[in-house]
N, C-alpha and C. Protein backbone atom coordinates (compact mmCIF):
# COMPACT_ATOMS: atom_id res chain seq x y z
N MET A 1 129.42 144.73 -47.78
CA MET A 1 129.10 145.60 -46.74
C MET A 1 130.40 146.17 -46.08
N SER A 2 130.56 147.41 -46.00
CA SER A 2 131.80 148.00 -45.38
C SER A 2 131.78 147.94 -43.87
N GLN A 3 132.94 147.94 -43.25
CA GLN A 3 133.04 147.82 -41.83
C GLN A 3 132.67 149.22 -41.18
N PRO A 4 131.80 149.22 -40.25
CA PRO A 4 131.41 150.50 -39.54
C PRO A 4 132.57 150.97 -38.71
N LYS A 5 132.60 152.24 -38.38
CA LYS A 5 133.58 152.81 -37.43
C LYS A 5 132.82 152.82 -36.08
N ILE A 6 133.41 152.03 -35.11
CA ILE A 6 132.74 151.84 -33.86
C ILE A 6 133.68 152.27 -32.77
N ILE A 7 133.16 153.12 -31.85
CA ILE A 7 133.87 153.53 -30.64
C ILE A 7 132.96 153.12 -29.49
N ALA A 8 133.49 152.24 -28.64
CA ALA A 8 132.69 151.81 -27.49
C ALA A 8 133.30 152.35 -26.23
N TYR A 9 132.51 153.09 -25.45
CA TYR A 9 132.99 153.61 -24.18
C TYR A 9 132.47 152.66 -23.06
N LEU A 10 133.48 151.91 -22.57
CA LEU A 10 133.17 150.78 -21.72
C LEU A 10 133.95 150.75 -20.41
N LYS A 11 133.45 149.97 -19.45
CA LYS A 11 134.18 149.71 -18.21
C LYS A 11 134.88 148.42 -18.41
N PRO A 12 136.13 148.34 -17.81
CA PRO A 12 136.89 147.07 -17.97
C PRO A 12 136.17 145.85 -17.48
N THR A 13 135.45 145.90 -16.34
CA THR A 13 134.73 144.78 -15.83
C THR A 13 133.32 145.27 -15.47
N CYS A 14 132.38 144.94 -16.33
CA CYS A 14 131.00 145.32 -16.15
C CYS A 14 130.14 144.40 -17.00
N GLY A 15 129.03 143.92 -16.43
CA GLY A 15 128.18 142.98 -17.24
C GLY A 15 127.64 143.72 -18.50
N TRP A 16 127.22 144.99 -18.37
CA TRP A 16 126.66 145.67 -19.54
C TRP A 16 127.78 145.85 -20.62
N SER A 17 128.95 146.27 -20.20
CA SER A 17 130.05 146.48 -21.05
C SER A 17 130.50 145.16 -21.74
N ASN A 18 130.49 144.10 -21.04
CA ASN A 18 130.89 142.82 -21.59
C ASN A 18 129.80 142.31 -22.59
N GLY A 19 128.58 142.68 -22.36
CA GLY A 19 127.51 142.37 -23.29
C GLY A 19 127.71 143.05 -24.63
N VAL A 20 128.13 144.29 -24.57
CA VAL A 20 128.43 145.03 -25.80
C VAL A 20 129.57 144.41 -26.54
N ARG A 21 130.61 144.10 -25.80
CA ARG A 21 131.82 143.43 -26.36
C ARG A 21 131.41 142.13 -27.08
N ALA A 22 130.54 141.29 -26.34
CA ALA A 22 130.13 140.03 -26.91
C ALA A 22 129.38 140.20 -28.25
N ILE A 23 128.57 141.20 -28.36
CA ILE A 23 127.77 141.42 -29.63
C ILE A 23 128.76 141.89 -30.67
N LEU A 24 129.64 142.75 -30.42
CA LEU A 24 130.61 143.17 -31.42
C LEU A 24 131.47 142.05 -31.94
N LYS A 25 131.85 141.20 -30.94
CA LYS A 25 132.60 139.97 -31.32
C LYS A 25 131.78 138.98 -32.16
N LYS A 26 130.52 138.86 -31.78
CA LYS A 26 129.59 137.97 -32.54
C LYS A 26 129.60 138.27 -33.99
N TYR A 27 129.73 139.56 -34.32
CA TYR A 27 129.64 140.02 -35.70
C TYR A 27 131.04 140.32 -36.30
N ASP A 28 132.07 139.91 -35.53
CA ASP A 28 133.50 140.15 -35.97
C ASP A 28 133.72 141.64 -36.32
N LEU A 29 133.19 142.52 -35.55
CA LEU A 29 133.36 143.91 -35.87
C LEU A 29 134.55 144.54 -35.10
N PRO A 30 135.50 145.18 -35.84
CA PRO A 30 136.56 145.83 -35.12
C PRO A 30 135.95 147.11 -34.42
N TYR A 31 136.49 147.42 -33.25
CA TYR A 31 136.03 148.59 -32.58
C TYR A 31 137.12 149.14 -31.69
N GLU A 32 137.02 150.35 -31.28
CA GLU A 32 137.95 151.02 -30.38
C GLU A 32 137.28 150.89 -28.96
N ASP A 33 137.94 150.17 -28.02
CA ASP A 33 137.43 150.03 -26.70
C ASP A 33 137.98 151.08 -25.81
N ARG A 34 137.23 152.05 -25.44
CA ARG A 34 137.67 153.21 -24.67
C ARG A 34 137.27 153.00 -23.17
N ASP A 35 138.30 152.86 -22.37
CA ASP A 35 138.18 152.56 -20.90
C ASP A 35 137.82 153.85 -20.20
N ILE A 36 136.53 153.91 -19.71
CA ILE A 36 136.03 155.10 -19.00
C ILE A 36 136.32 155.07 -17.52
N ILE A 37 136.89 154.04 -17.01
CA ILE A 37 137.20 153.95 -15.60
C ILE A 37 138.64 154.39 -15.38
N ASN A 38 139.60 153.87 -16.12
CA ASN A 38 140.99 154.18 -15.93
C ASN A 38 141.52 155.32 -16.73
N ASN A 39 140.66 155.88 -17.57
CA ASN A 39 141.06 156.99 -18.43
C ASN A 39 140.00 158.12 -18.32
N PRO A 40 140.19 159.07 -17.39
CA PRO A 40 139.18 160.15 -17.14
C PRO A 40 138.92 160.94 -18.47
N ALA A 41 139.88 161.06 -19.32
CA ALA A 41 139.66 161.82 -20.57
C ALA A 41 138.63 161.08 -21.48
N GLN A 42 138.65 159.73 -21.46
CA GLN A 42 137.75 158.98 -22.24
C GLN A 42 136.35 159.08 -21.69
N ARG A 43 136.19 159.08 -20.37
CA ARG A 43 134.92 159.28 -19.68
C ARG A 43 134.38 160.68 -20.00
N ALA A 44 135.17 161.70 -19.95
CA ALA A 44 134.75 163.06 -20.25
C ALA A 44 134.26 163.15 -21.70
N GLU A 45 135.04 162.47 -22.57
CA GLU A 45 134.59 162.48 -24.02
C GLU A 45 133.20 161.82 -24.19
N MET A 46 133.07 160.73 -23.49
CA MET A 46 131.76 159.97 -23.56
C MET A 46 130.59 160.89 -23.09
N ILE A 47 130.86 161.56 -21.96
CA ILE A 47 129.78 162.46 -21.37
C ILE A 47 129.49 163.63 -22.36
N GLU A 48 130.57 164.20 -22.94
CA GLU A 48 130.38 165.26 -23.88
C GLU A 48 129.53 164.84 -25.09
N LYS A 49 129.93 163.69 -25.67
CA LYS A 49 129.24 163.17 -26.85
C LYS A 49 127.82 162.67 -26.60
N SER A 50 127.63 162.02 -25.46
CA SER A 50 126.32 161.42 -25.23
C SER A 50 125.38 162.32 -24.48
N GLY A 51 125.89 163.31 -23.69
CA GLY A 51 125.13 164.16 -22.96
C GLY A 51 124.65 163.61 -21.65
N GLN A 52 125.26 162.46 -21.24
CA GLN A 52 124.89 161.86 -19.93
C GLN A 52 126.04 161.01 -19.37
N THR A 53 125.86 160.54 -18.19
CA THR A 53 127.03 159.84 -17.50
C THR A 53 126.94 158.37 -17.51
N LEU A 54 125.83 157.75 -17.89
CA LEU A 54 125.56 156.33 -17.86
C LEU A 54 126.31 155.59 -19.00
N SER A 55 126.79 154.38 -18.72
CA SER A 55 127.45 153.63 -19.68
C SER A 55 126.90 152.19 -19.74
N PRO A 56 127.21 151.48 -20.77
CA PRO A 56 128.02 151.75 -21.91
C PRO A 56 127.35 152.75 -22.92
N CYS A 57 128.26 153.42 -23.66
CA CYS A 57 127.79 154.19 -24.82
C CYS A 57 128.59 153.71 -26.00
N VAL A 58 127.93 153.59 -27.13
CA VAL A 58 128.56 153.07 -28.31
C VAL A 58 128.32 154.07 -29.47
N GLU A 59 129.39 154.49 -30.12
CA GLU A 59 129.22 155.35 -31.25
C GLU A 59 129.51 154.51 -32.53
N ILE A 60 128.50 154.47 -33.42
CA ILE A 60 128.60 153.73 -34.69
C ILE A 60 128.45 154.68 -35.84
N ASN A 61 129.46 154.82 -36.65
CA ASN A 61 129.40 155.72 -37.86
C ASN A 61 128.93 157.11 -37.45
N GLY A 62 129.37 157.59 -36.23
CA GLY A 62 128.96 158.92 -35.78
C GLY A 62 127.67 159.04 -35.03
N GLN A 63 126.88 157.91 -34.95
CA GLN A 63 125.62 157.91 -34.21
C GLN A 63 125.88 157.34 -32.82
N MET A 64 125.61 158.24 -31.79
CA MET A 64 125.86 157.81 -30.43
C MET A 64 124.63 157.07 -29.88
N LEU A 65 124.84 155.88 -29.30
CA LEU A 65 123.86 155.12 -28.63
C LEU A 65 124.20 155.11 -27.14
N PRO A 66 123.51 155.97 -26.39
CA PRO A 66 123.86 156.11 -24.99
C PRO A 66 123.21 155.07 -24.08
N ASP A 67 123.94 154.70 -23.00
CA ASP A 67 123.42 153.84 -21.95
C ASP A 67 122.70 152.67 -22.55
N ILE A 68 123.45 151.79 -23.22
CA ILE A 68 122.88 150.75 -24.07
C ILE A 68 123.39 149.37 -23.74
N SER A 69 122.58 148.38 -23.86
CA SER A 69 122.97 147.01 -23.64
C SER A 69 123.46 146.35 -24.94
N GLY A 70 124.06 145.20 -24.77
CA GLY A 70 124.46 144.48 -26.03
C GLY A 70 123.29 144.13 -26.86
N ASP A 71 122.13 143.73 -26.24
CA ASP A 71 120.96 143.39 -27.02
C ASP A 71 120.53 144.61 -27.87
N GLU A 72 120.51 145.79 -27.23
CA GLU A 72 120.04 146.98 -27.89
C GLU A 72 121.06 147.40 -28.99
N VAL A 73 122.37 147.19 -28.78
CA VAL A 73 123.34 147.51 -29.86
C VAL A 73 123.05 146.59 -31.08
N GLU A 74 122.79 145.30 -30.78
CA GLU A 74 122.52 144.35 -31.83
C GLU A 74 121.28 144.79 -32.61
N ALA A 75 120.21 145.09 -31.84
CA ALA A 75 118.96 145.41 -32.52
C ALA A 75 119.08 146.69 -33.40
N TRP A 76 119.84 147.68 -32.88
CA TRP A 76 120.06 148.88 -33.64
C TRP A 76 120.85 148.62 -34.96
N MET A 77 121.89 147.81 -34.82
CA MET A 77 122.77 147.46 -35.95
C MET A 77 121.92 146.69 -37.01
N LEU A 78 121.11 145.77 -36.57
CA LEU A 78 120.28 145.03 -37.52
C LEU A 78 119.22 145.91 -38.19
N ALA A 79 118.57 146.82 -37.42
CA ALA A 79 117.61 147.74 -37.98
C ALA A 79 118.18 148.71 -38.94
N ASN A 80 119.52 149.04 -38.78
CA ASN A 80 120.16 150.05 -39.61
C ASN A 80 121.10 149.43 -40.62
N ASN A 81 120.91 148.09 -40.85
CA ASN A 81 121.63 147.39 -41.88
C ASN A 81 123.20 147.46 -41.75
N ILE A 82 123.61 147.56 -40.49
CA ILE A 82 125.04 147.55 -40.23
C ILE A 82 125.52 146.11 -40.25
N VAL A 83 124.76 145.17 -39.80
CA VAL A 83 125.05 143.79 -39.75
C VAL A 83 123.85 143.00 -40.30
N GLN A 84 124.11 141.75 -40.69
CA GLN A 84 122.99 140.84 -41.05
C GLN A 84 122.89 139.79 -39.95
N PRO A 85 121.69 139.32 -39.74
CA PRO A 85 121.52 138.25 -38.74
C PRO A 85 122.49 137.02 -38.88
N ASN A 86 122.93 136.54 -37.77
CA ASN A 86 123.71 135.29 -37.85
C ASN A 86 123.34 134.36 -36.65
N GLU A 87 123.81 133.20 -36.70
CA GLU A 87 123.40 132.17 -35.70
C GLU A 87 124.42 132.04 -34.58
N ARG A 88 125.49 132.86 -34.61
CA ARG A 88 126.57 132.72 -33.60
C ARG A 88 125.98 133.07 -32.24
N VAL A 89 126.46 132.39 -31.27
CA VAL A 89 126.03 132.63 -29.81
C VAL A 89 127.07 133.57 -29.18
N PRO A 90 126.64 134.70 -28.58
CA PRO A 90 127.59 135.55 -27.89
C PRO A 90 128.34 134.78 -26.77
N ASP A 91 129.55 135.26 -26.53
CA ASP A 91 130.37 134.56 -25.54
C ASP A 91 130.13 135.09 -24.08
N ALA A 92 129.13 135.96 -23.90
CA ALA A 92 128.82 136.52 -22.60
C ALA A 92 127.35 136.99 -22.62
N PRO A 93 126.77 137.05 -21.43
CA PRO A 93 125.39 137.59 -21.45
C PRO A 93 125.38 139.02 -22.04
N THR A 94 124.32 139.28 -22.80
CA THR A 94 124.32 140.55 -23.53
C THR A 94 123.32 141.61 -22.99
N ASN A 95 122.61 141.24 -21.87
CA ASN A 95 121.68 142.17 -21.28
C ASN A 95 121.67 141.91 -19.81
N GLU A 96 122.82 142.16 -19.11
CA GLU A 96 122.95 141.74 -17.70
C GLU A 96 123.86 142.73 -17.01
N SER A 97 123.48 143.13 -15.79
CA SER A 97 124.32 143.98 -15.03
C SER A 97 125.44 143.13 -14.35
N CYS A 98 126.31 143.89 -13.65
CA CYS A 98 127.43 143.20 -12.93
C CYS A 98 126.85 142.53 -11.71
N SER A 99 127.48 141.49 -11.26
CA SER A 99 127.11 140.91 -10.02
C SER A 99 127.61 141.76 -8.87
N LYS A 100 127.03 141.65 -7.70
CA LYS A 100 127.52 142.42 -6.56
C LYS A 100 128.97 142.03 -6.29
N HIS A 101 129.38 140.82 -6.46
CA HIS A 101 130.75 140.40 -6.29
C HIS A 101 131.70 141.11 -7.17
N THR A 102 131.28 141.35 -8.44
CA THR A 102 132.10 142.05 -9.38
C THR A 102 132.36 143.49 -8.94
N HIS A 103 131.33 144.16 -8.46
CA HIS A 103 131.49 145.54 -7.97
C HIS A 103 132.34 145.58 -6.76
N LEU A 104 132.20 144.69 -5.85
CA LEU A 104 133.02 144.65 -4.61
C LEU A 104 134.48 144.42 -5.02
N TYR A 105 134.79 143.49 -5.89
CA TYR A 105 136.10 143.17 -6.35
C TYR A 105 136.70 144.31 -7.07
N ALA A 106 136.02 145.09 -7.80
CA ALA A 106 136.52 146.26 -8.61
C ALA A 106 136.92 147.33 -7.64
N LYS A 107 136.42 147.44 -6.45
CA LYS A 107 136.74 148.47 -5.50
C LYS A 107 138.01 148.22 -4.74
N VAL A 108 138.51 146.90 -4.74
CA VAL A 108 139.66 146.53 -3.94
C VAL A 108 140.90 147.04 -4.61
């Protein structure tokens, strides 16, 4: 099975973004992590490609998956034969928002 081309439009500290990272790591998939908070051009590109402002967005082999959780990324990859099931446990929650503390800390 060849490696998919993955571009992940993510926030540096976000529960949803960390869930996407955890799933990609679970399957040892290389990906380009595009920071949509510290790089306005990356955010603009995400909005142009996805047609909306919510994140995370993950592009896999040209298919944009907008406003998606790690669980949803995993389900899509399994359904589209991008990956095969494995028993590895993700290293972060894969379907969880940020805590209020995380958002307050990010604003400082």
